[in-house]
């Protein structure tokens, strides 16, 4: 029988976040060159996590936060599915207006 290890809630949280980040790093998206502001900020092949982080930082409550990426679409805090193309377009437009 193997060794028993006790984990705290913080240990489990840290492990789960690490696993999610590792999975996220293996899935890369492709951003079209037409969204030049997004490409300049994230590169041509960002991870879904990087896209969600930029979206949430840019819009900071002015648009529903992106919370997940599943089956090729982003899921916002309202439970709506948002295509990557829509996300790129809205971020690109916002950055062109703001920068």
N, C-alpha and C. Protein backbone atom coordinates (compact mmCIF):
# COMPACT_ATOMS: atom_id res chain seq x y z
N UNK A 1 0.84 -1.18 0.00
CA UNK A 1 0.00 0.00 0.00
C UNK A 1 0.89 1.24 0.00
N UNK A 2 0.43 2.27 -0.73
CA UNK A 2 1.23 3.49 -0.87
C UNK A 2 1.15 4.38 0.35
N UNK A 3 1.96 5.38 0.32
CA UNK A 3 2.04 6.35 1.40
C UNK A 3 0.83 7.28 1.36
N UNK A 4 0.27 7.60 2.51
CA UNK A 4 -0.86 8.52 2.61
C UNK A 4 -0.32 9.93 2.83
N UNK A 5 -0.79 10.85 1.99
CA UNK A 5 -0.36 12.24 2.08
C UNK A 5 -1.59 13.09 2.35
N UNK A 6 -1.53 13.94 3.36
CA UNK A 6 -2.63 14.85 3.65
C UNK A 6 -2.40 16.15 2.89
N UNK A 7 -3.46 16.60 2.22
CA UNK A 7 -3.39 17.85 1.46
C UNK A 7 -4.38 18.85 2.04
N UNK A 8 -3.93 20.08 2.09
CA UNK A 8 -4.84 21.14 2.53
C UNK A 8 -5.65 21.62 1.33
N UNK A 9 -6.66 22.40 1.60
CA UNK A 9 -7.47 22.97 0.52
C UNK A 9 -6.59 23.83 -0.40
N UNK A 10 -5.65 24.56 0.19
CA UNK A 10 -4.73 25.39 -0.62
C UNK A 10 -3.85 24.53 -1.52
N UNK A 11 -3.41 23.38 -1.01
CA UNK A 11 -2.61 22.46 -1.82
C UNK A 11 -3.41 21.99 -3.03
N UNK A 12 -4.65 21.58 -2.77
CA UNK A 12 -5.51 21.09 -3.86
C UNK A 12 -5.80 22.18 -4.88
N UNK A 13 -6.06 23.39 -4.40
CA UNK A 13 -6.32 24.51 -5.30
C UNK A 13 -5.12 24.77 -6.19
N UNK A 14 -3.95 24.78 -5.59
CA UNK A 14 -2.71 25.02 -6.35
C UNK A 14 -2.49 23.92 -7.40
N UNK A 15 -2.73 22.67 -7.03
CA UNK A 15 -2.55 21.55 -7.96
C UNK A 15 -3.54 21.65 -9.11
N UNK A 16 -4.80 21.93 -8.82
CA UNK A 16 -5.82 22.03 -9.87
C UNK A 16 -5.48 23.17 -10.82
N UNK A 17 -5.09 24.33 -10.29
CA UNK A 17 -4.73 25.46 -11.15
C UNK A 17 -3.55 25.11 -12.05
N UNK A 18 -2.58 24.39 -11.51
CA UNK A 18 -1.42 24.01 -12.30
C UNK A 18 -1.82 23.07 -13.44
N UNK A 19 -2.68 22.10 -13.14
CA UNK A 19 -3.14 21.15 -14.17
C UNK A 19 -3.91 21.89 -15.25
N UNK A 20 -4.80 22.79 -14.85
CA UNK A 20 -5.57 23.55 -15.83
C UNK A 20 -4.65 24.39 -16.70
N UNK A 21 -3.67 25.05 -16.09
CA UNK A 21 -2.74 25.87 -16.86
C UNK A 21 -1.94 25.02 -17.84
N UNK A 22 -1.51 23.83 -17.41
CA UNK A 22 -0.76 22.94 -18.31
C UNK A 22 -1.63 22.49 -19.48
N UNK A 23 -2.89 22.17 -19.22
CA UNK A 23 -3.80 21.78 -20.30
C UNK A 23 -4.03 22.95 -21.23
N UNK A 24 -4.19 24.13 -20.65
CA UNK A 24 -4.43 25.35 -21.42
C UNK A 24 -3.26 25.65 -22.33
N UNK A 25 -2.06 25.39 -21.87
CA UNK A 25 -0.86 25.68 -22.66
C UNK A 25 -0.73 24.76 -23.87
N UNK A 26 -1.39 23.60 -23.83
CA UNK A 26 -1.33 22.67 -24.95
C UNK A 26 -2.34 23.01 -26.04
N UNK A 27 -3.32 23.84 -25.71
CA UNK A 27 -4.34 24.24 -26.66
C UNK A 27 -4.06 25.68 -27.08
N UNK A 28 -3.69 25.87 -28.31
CA UNK A 28 -3.41 27.21 -28.79
C UNK A 28 -4.42 27.59 -29.87
N UNK A 29 -4.78 28.84 -29.87
CA UNK A 29 -5.72 29.37 -30.85
C UNK A 29 -4.95 30.03 -31.99
N UNK A 30 -5.64 30.32 -33.05
CA UNK A 30 -5.02 31.01 -34.19
C UNK A 30 -5.76 32.32 -34.40
N UNK A 31 -5.03 33.43 -34.30
CA UNK A 31 -5.62 34.75 -34.49
C UNK A 31 -5.25 35.25 -35.88
N UNK A 32 -6.27 35.62 -36.66
CA UNK A 32 -6.06 36.14 -38.01
C UNK A 32 -5.31 37.46 -37.96
N UNK A 33 -4.48 37.70 -38.97
CA UNK A 33 -3.72 38.94 -39.05
C UNK A 33 -4.60 40.18 -39.13
N UNK A 34 -5.87 40.01 -39.51
CA UNK A 34 -6.76 41.17 -39.60
C UNK A 34 -6.98 41.81 -38.23
N UNK A 35 -6.77 41.05 -37.17
CA UNK A 35 -6.90 41.57 -35.81
C UNK A 35 -5.52 41.95 -35.29
N UNK A 36 -4.92 42.93 -35.95
CA UNK A 36 -3.52 43.27 -35.70
C UNK A 36 -3.23 43.72 -34.28
N UNK A 37 -4.18 44.39 -33.63
CA UNK A 37 -3.95 44.82 -32.25
C UNK A 37 -3.89 43.61 -31.30
N UNK A 38 -4.75 42.64 -31.55
CA UNK A 38 -4.75 41.42 -30.72
C UNK A 38 -3.47 40.64 -30.95
N UNK A 39 -3.07 40.52 -32.22
CA UNK A 39 -1.83 39.80 -32.55
C UNK A 39 -0.64 40.49 -31.90
N UNK A 40 -0.63 41.84 -31.93
CA UNK A 40 0.48 42.58 -31.33
C UNK A 40 0.56 42.33 -29.83
N UNK A 41 -0.58 42.16 -29.20
CA UNK A 41 -0.60 41.98 -27.75
C UNK A 41 -0.40 40.52 -27.32
N UNK A 42 -1.03 39.58 -28.05
CA UNK A 42 -1.01 38.17 -27.65
C UNK A 42 -0.18 37.26 -28.54
N UNK A 43 0.16 37.73 -29.75
CA UNK A 43 0.83 36.87 -30.71
C UNK A 43 -0.20 36.14 -31.55
N UNK A 44 0.27 35.38 -32.54
CA UNK A 44 -0.61 34.68 -33.48
C UNK A 44 -1.30 33.47 -32.85
N UNK A 45 -0.69 32.86 -31.86
CA UNK A 45 -1.23 31.61 -31.29
C UNK A 45 -1.30 31.66 -29.77
N UNK A 46 -2.22 32.48 -29.24
CA UNK A 46 -2.35 32.55 -27.78
C UNK A 46 -3.13 31.36 -27.22
N UNK A 47 -2.97 31.12 -25.96
CA UNK A 47 -3.79 30.11 -25.30
C UNK A 47 -5.15 30.74 -24.98
N UNK A 48 -6.19 29.93 -24.82
CA UNK A 48 -7.49 30.48 -24.42
C UNK A 48 -7.40 31.27 -23.11
N UNK A 49 -6.57 30.81 -22.19
CA UNK A 49 -6.41 31.52 -20.92
C UNK A 49 -5.84 32.92 -21.11
N UNK A 50 -4.88 33.06 -22.02
CA UNK A 50 -4.32 34.39 -22.30
C UNK A 50 -5.36 35.31 -22.92
N UNK A 51 -6.20 34.76 -23.82
CA UNK A 51 -7.26 35.55 -24.44
C UNK A 51 -8.27 36.00 -23.38
N UNK A 52 -8.67 35.08 -22.51
CA UNK A 52 -9.64 35.43 -21.46
C UNK A 52 -9.07 36.49 -20.52
N UNK A 53 -7.81 36.36 -20.18
CA UNK A 53 -7.18 37.32 -19.28
C UNK A 53 -7.15 38.72 -19.91
N UNK A 54 -6.77 38.80 -21.19
CA UNK A 54 -6.74 40.09 -21.86
C UNK A 54 -8.14 40.68 -21.96
N UNK A 55 -9.12 39.87 -22.37
CA UNK A 55 -10.51 40.34 -22.46
C UNK A 55 -10.98 40.91 -21.13
N UNK A 56 -10.80 40.15 -20.07
CA UNK A 56 -11.28 40.57 -18.75
C UNK A 56 -10.56 41.82 -18.26
N UNK A 57 -9.28 41.97 -18.59
CA UNK A 57 -8.54 43.18 -18.23
C UNK A 57 -9.01 44.38 -19.04
N UNK A 58 -9.21 44.18 -20.34
CA UNK A 58 -9.62 45.28 -21.22
C UNK A 58 -11.00 45.81 -20.85
N UNK A 59 -11.96 44.92 -20.72
CA UNK A 59 -13.34 45.34 -20.54
C UNK A 59 -13.73 45.54 -19.07
N UNK A 60 -13.01 44.92 -18.16
CA UNK A 60 -13.13 45.13 -16.71
C UNK A 60 -14.55 45.45 -16.25
N UNK A 61 -15.49 44.56 -16.58
CA UNK A 61 -16.87 44.72 -16.13
C UNK A 61 -17.78 45.43 -17.11
N UNK A 62 -17.22 46.05 -18.15
CA UNK A 62 -18.05 46.71 -19.16
C UNK A 62 -18.69 45.70 -20.11
N UNK A 63 -18.20 44.50 -20.11
CA UNK A 63 -18.77 43.40 -20.89
C UNK A 63 -18.68 42.16 -20.00
N UNK A 64 -19.54 41.19 -20.20
CA UNK A 64 -19.47 39.99 -19.35
C UNK A 64 -18.09 39.34 -19.41
N UNK A 65 -17.58 38.97 -18.25
CA UNK A 65 -16.28 38.31 -18.16
C UNK A 65 -16.31 36.97 -18.88
N UNK A 66 -15.19 36.64 -19.51
CA UNK A 66 -15.03 35.31 -20.09
C UNK A 66 -14.53 34.40 -18.97
N UNK A 67 -15.19 33.27 -18.81
CA UNK A 67 -14.86 32.38 -17.70
C UNK A 67 -14.31 31.03 -18.12
N UNK A 68 -14.59 30.61 -19.36
CA UNK A 68 -14.17 29.27 -19.75
C UNK A 68 -14.02 29.21 -21.27
N UNK A 69 -13.33 28.17 -21.72
CA UNK A 69 -13.21 27.87 -23.15
C UNK A 69 -13.48 26.39 -23.28
N UNK A 70 -14.53 26.05 -24.05
CA UNK A 70 -14.92 24.65 -24.16
C UNK A 70 -15.49 24.40 -25.55
N UNK A 71 -15.09 23.31 -26.15
CA UNK A 71 -15.58 22.92 -27.48
C UNK A 71 -15.42 24.03 -28.52
N UNK A 72 -14.32 24.75 -28.43
CA UNK A 72 -14.01 25.76 -29.45
C UNK A 72 -14.66 27.11 -29.26
N UNK A 73 -15.37 27.32 -28.15
CA UNK A 73 -15.99 28.62 -27.90
C UNK A 73 -15.70 29.07 -26.47
N UNK A 74 -15.71 30.38 -26.29
CA UNK A 74 -15.59 30.95 -24.95
C UNK A 74 -16.96 30.97 -24.31
N UNK A 75 -16.99 30.84 -22.99
CA UNK A 75 -18.22 30.91 -22.23
C UNK A 75 -18.08 32.11 -21.30
N UNK A 76 -19.05 33.05 -21.39
CA UNK A 76 -18.96 34.22 -20.52
C UNK A 76 -19.73 33.98 -19.22
N UNK A 77 -19.66 34.95 -18.33
CA UNK A 77 -20.25 34.80 -17.01
C UNK A 77 -21.77 34.65 -17.05
N UNK A 78 -22.39 35.04 -18.16
CA UNK A 78 -23.83 34.87 -18.31
C UNK A 78 -24.19 33.51 -18.88
N UNK A 79 -23.17 32.69 -19.18
CA UNK A 79 -23.39 31.37 -19.74
C UNK A 79 -23.52 31.36 -21.25
N UNK A 80 -23.31 32.52 -21.88
CA UNK A 80 -23.41 32.61 -23.33
C UNK A 80 -22.13 32.12 -23.99
N UNK A 81 -22.29 31.48 -25.14
CA UNK A 81 -21.14 31.05 -25.94
C UNK A 81 -20.74 32.19 -26.86
N UNK A 82 -19.43 32.45 -26.92
CA UNK A 82 -18.90 33.52 -27.76
C UNK A 82 -17.77 32.93 -28.60
N UNK A 83 -17.86 33.09 -29.91
CA UNK A 83 -16.84 32.52 -30.78
C UNK A 83 -15.52 33.26 -30.61
N UNK A 84 -14.40 32.57 -30.83
CA UNK A 84 -13.11 33.26 -30.78
C UNK A 84 -13.06 34.46 -31.73
N UNK A 85 -13.63 34.31 -32.93
CA UNK A 85 -13.61 35.42 -33.90
C UNK A 85 -14.31 36.65 -33.33
N UNK A 86 -15.43 36.45 -32.66
CA UNK A 86 -16.16 37.58 -32.06
C UNK A 86 -15.32 38.24 -30.96
N UNK A 87 -14.67 37.42 -30.17
CA UNK A 87 -13.82 37.93 -29.10
C UNK A 87 -12.67 38.76 -29.70
N UNK A 88 -12.00 38.22 -30.72
CA UNK A 88 -10.89 38.93 -31.34
C UNK A 88 -11.35 40.25 -31.94
N UNK A 89 -12.50 40.23 -32.63
CA UNK A 89 -13.01 41.42 -33.29
C UNK A 89 -13.32 42.51 -32.26
N UNK A 90 -14.00 42.14 -31.19
CA UNK A 90 -14.35 43.13 -30.18
C UNK A 90 -13.13 43.68 -29.45
N UNK A 91 -12.17 42.82 -29.15
CA UNK A 91 -10.94 43.29 -28.50
C UNK A 91 -10.16 44.20 -29.44
N UNK A 92 -10.05 43.80 -30.70
CA UNK A 92 -9.30 44.60 -31.67
C UNK A 92 -9.93 45.98 -31.83
N UNK A 93 -11.25 46.04 -31.98
CA UNK A 93 -11.94 47.32 -32.10
C UNK A 93 -11.72 48.17 -30.86
N UNK A 94 -11.84 47.58 -29.69
CA UNK A 94 -11.66 48.30 -28.44
C UNK A 94 -10.24 48.86 -28.33
N UNK A 95 -9.25 48.04 -28.66
CA UNK A 95 -7.86 48.49 -28.57
C UNK A 95 -7.56 49.59 -29.58
N UNK A 96 -8.14 49.53 -30.76
CA UNK A 96 -7.92 50.58 -31.75
C UNK A 96 -8.51 51.90 -31.28
N UNK A 97 -9.65 51.84 -30.59
CA UNK A 97 -10.28 53.06 -30.06
C UNK A 97 -9.53 53.62 -28.85
N UNK A 98 -8.99 52.72 -28.02
CA UNK A 98 -8.34 53.15 -26.77
C UNK A 98 -6.88 53.52 -26.91
N UNK A 99 -6.18 52.91 -27.87
CA UNK A 99 -4.73 53.14 -27.96
C UNK A 99 -4.45 54.11 -29.02
